[in-house]
Amino acid sequence: MADPIQEKHRVMMNELAATLDELFNGKAKPRRIFFTLLVGEFGKMDGGKVNYISNGNREDMSASIRELLARWEGRYREEGTEQ
């Protein structure tokens, strides 16, 4: 599998991820909060690349992005609410 981060963004994204994880979770074990950071270049998304880093597992990251898209597209309903 290709690496998810372009070399020109690797150092900064790893530093940001470490900082975010420390801010959200401190020394908590197990960690309670996960995040995903997406980085792209303005005007280059048509055929460009989205770089991502997360402190969670791929399944949590994928589920959170699917939920976010569903919310943006008006397809998401909270459990217990009328449809």
C-alpha atoms as a PDB file:
ATOM      1  CA  MET A   1       0.000   0.000   0.000  1.00  0.00           C
ATOM      2  CA  ALA A   2       1.262   3.487  -0.828  1.00  0.00           C
ATOM      3  CA  ASP A   3       2.165   5.739   2.070  1.00  0.00           C
ATOM      4  CA  PRO A   4      -0.726   8.100   2.907  1.00  0.00           C
ATOM      5  CA  ILE A   5       1.467  11.178   3.445  1.00  0.00           C
ATOM      6  CA  GLN A   6       3.477  12.984   0.791  1.00  0.00           C
ATOM      7  CA  GLU A   7       7.072  13.474   1.880  1.00  0.00           C
ATOM      8  CA  LYS A   8       6.770  17.286   1.832  1.00  0.00           C
ATOM      9  CA  HIS A   9       4.053  17.094   4.526  1.00  0.00           C
ATOM     10  CA  ARG A  10       5.326  14.137   6.572  1.00  0.00           C
ATOM     11  CA  VAL A  11       7.286  15.875   9.362  1.00  0.00           C
ATOM     12  CA  MET A  12       4.710  18.584  10.060  1.00  0.00           C
ATOM     13  CA  MET A  13       1.768  16.167  10.003  1.00  0.00           C
ATOM     14  CA  ASN A  14       3.499  13.760  12.380  1.00  0.00           C
ATOM     15  CA  GLU A  15       4.341  16.618  14.765  1.00  0.00           C
ATOM     16  CA  LEU A  16       0.759  17.916  14.626  1.00  0.00           C
ATOM     17  CA  ALA A  17      -0.624  14.418  15.236  1.00  0.00           C
ATOM     18  CA  ALA A  18       1.596  13.905  18.278  1.00  0.00           C
ATOM     19  CA  THR A  19       0.579  17.309  19.656  1.00  0.00           C
ATOM     20  CA  LEU A  20      -3.138  16.710  19.053  1.00  0.00           C
ATOM     21  CA  ASP A  21      -2.980  13.283  20.657  1.00  0.00           C
ATOM     22  CA  GLU A  22      -1.260  14.725  23.730  1.00  0.00           C
ATOM     23  CA  LEU A  23      -3.813  17.559  23.976  1.00  0.00           C
ATOM     24  CA  PHE A  24      -6.830  15.279  23.600  1.00  0.00           C
ATOM     25  CA  ASN A  25      -5.602  12.249  25.548  1.00  0.00           C
ATOM     26  CA  GLY A  26      -2.652  13.202  27.714  1.00  0.00           C
ATOM     27  CA  LYS A  27      -1.265  10.020  29.218  1.00  0.00           C
ATOM     28  CA  ALA A  28      -4.654   8.253  29.318  1.00  0.00           C
ATOM     29  CA  LYS A  29      -4.519   4.542  28.615  1.00  0.00           C
ATOM     30  CA  PRO A  30      -6.462   3.486  26.736  1.00  0.00           C
ATOM     31  CA  ARG A  31      -6.854   6.696  24.772  1.00  0.00           C
ATOM     32  CA  ARG A  32     -10.432   8.013  24.683  1.00  0.00           C
ATOM     33  CA  ILE A  33     -10.386  10.464  21.756  1.00  0.00           C
ATOM     34  CA  PHE A  34      -9.344   9.769  18.196  1.00  0.00           C
ATOM     35  CA  PHE A  35      -8.857  12.255  15.382  1.00  0.00           C
ATOM     36  CA  THR A  36      -8.115  12.362  11.682  1.00  0.00           C
ATOM     37  CA  LEU A  37      -6.192  15.201  10.060  1.00  0.00           C
ATOM     38  CA  LEU A  38      -6.678  15.717   6.310  1.00  0.00           C
ATOM     39  CA  VAL A  39      -4.279  17.937   4.364  1.00  0.00           C
ATOM     40  CA  GLY A  40      -4.601  18.949   0.723  1.00  0.00           C
ATOM     41  CA  GLU A  41      -3.437  21.770  -1.482  1.00  0.00           C
ATOM     42  CA  PHE A  42      -5.862  24.499  -2.576  1.00  0.00           C
ATOM     43  CA  GLY A  43      -6.739  24.281  -6.250  1.00  0.00           C
ATOM     44  CA  LYS A  44      -5.157  20.837  -6.665  1.00  0.00           C
ATOM     45  CA  MET A  45      -7.884  18.457  -5.500  1.00  0.00           C
ATOM     46  CA  ASP A  46      -8.988  17.566  -9.037  1.00  0.00           C
ATOM     47  CA  GLY A  47      -6.447  14.821  -9.586  1.00  0.00           C
ATOM     48  CA  GLY A  48      -4.532  15.871  -6.468  1.00  0.00           C
ATOM     49  CA  LYS A  49      -3.849  14.012  -3.254  1.00  0.00           C
ATOM     50  CA  VAL A  50      -5.367  14.159   0.191  1.00  0.00           C
ATOM     51  CA  ASN A  51      -2.841  13.355   2.893  1.00  0.00           C
ATOM     52  CA  TYR A  52      -4.148  11.981   6.168  1.00  0.00           C
ATOM     53  CA  ILE A  53      -2.944  10.950   9.579  1.00  0.00           C
ATOM     54  CA  SER A  54      -4.895   9.609  12.521  1.00  0.00           C
ATOM     55  CA  ASN A  55      -4.231   8.379  16.028  1.00  0.00           C
ATOM     56  CA  GLY A  56      -7.033   5.828  15.680  1.00  0.00           C
ATOM     57  CA  ASN A  57      -7.432   2.674  13.692  1.00  0.00           C
ATOM     58  CA  ARG A  58      -8.446   2.634  10.042  1.00  0.00           C
ATOM     59  CA  GLU A  59     -11.959   1.336  10.819  1.00  0.00           C
ATOM     60  CA  ASP A  60     -12.733   4.246  13.193  1.00  0.00           C
ATOM     61  CA  MET A  61     -11.263   6.752  10.736  1.00  0.00           C
ATOM     62  CA  SER A  62     -13.306   5.379   7.828  1.00  0.00           C
ATOM     63  CA  ALA A  63     -16.529   5.271   9.860  1.00  0.00           C
ATOM     64  CA  SER A  64     -16.056   8.848  11.070  1.00  0.00           C
ATOM     65  CA  ILE A  65     -15.485  10.138   7.528  1.00  0.00           C
ATOM     66  CA  ARG A  66     -18.556   8.250   6.244  1.00  0.00           C
ATOM     67  CA  GLU A  67     -20.659   9.762   9.057  1.00  0.00           C
ATOM     68  CA  LEU A  68     -19.332  13.256   8.355  1.00  0.00           C
ATOM     69  CA  LEU A  69     -20.180  12.953   4.650  1.00  0.00           C
ATOM     70  CA  ALA A  70     -23.656  11.641   5.486  1.00  0.00           C
ATOM     71  CA  ARG A  71     -24.222  14.647   7.780  1.00  0.00           C
ATOM     72  CA  TRP A  72     -23.044  17.102   5.108  1.00  0.00           C
ATOM     73  CA  GLU A  73     -25.293  15.433   2.515  1.00  0.00           C
ATOM     74  CA  GLY A  74     -28.322  15.381   4.839  1.00  0.00           C
ATOM     75  CA  ARG A  75     -28.463  11.575   4.968  1.00  0.00           C
ATOM     76  CA  TYR A  76     -27.557  11.151   8.663  1.00  0.00           C
ATOM     77  CA  ARG A  77     -30.163  10.711  11.379  1.00  0.00           C
ATOM     78  CA  GLU A  78     -29.356  10.494  15.078  1.00  0.00           C
ATOM     79  CA  GLU A  79     -30.614   7.332  16.748  1.00  0.00           C
ATOM     80  CA  GLY A  80     -34.013   7.884  18.362  1.00  0.00           C
ATOM     81  CA  THR A  81     -35.024  10.792  16.110  1.00  0.00           C
ATOM     82  CA  GLU A  82     -37.887  10.824  13.645  1.00  0.00           C
ATOM     83  CA  GLN A  83     -37.051  10.277   9.994  1.00  0.00           C
END
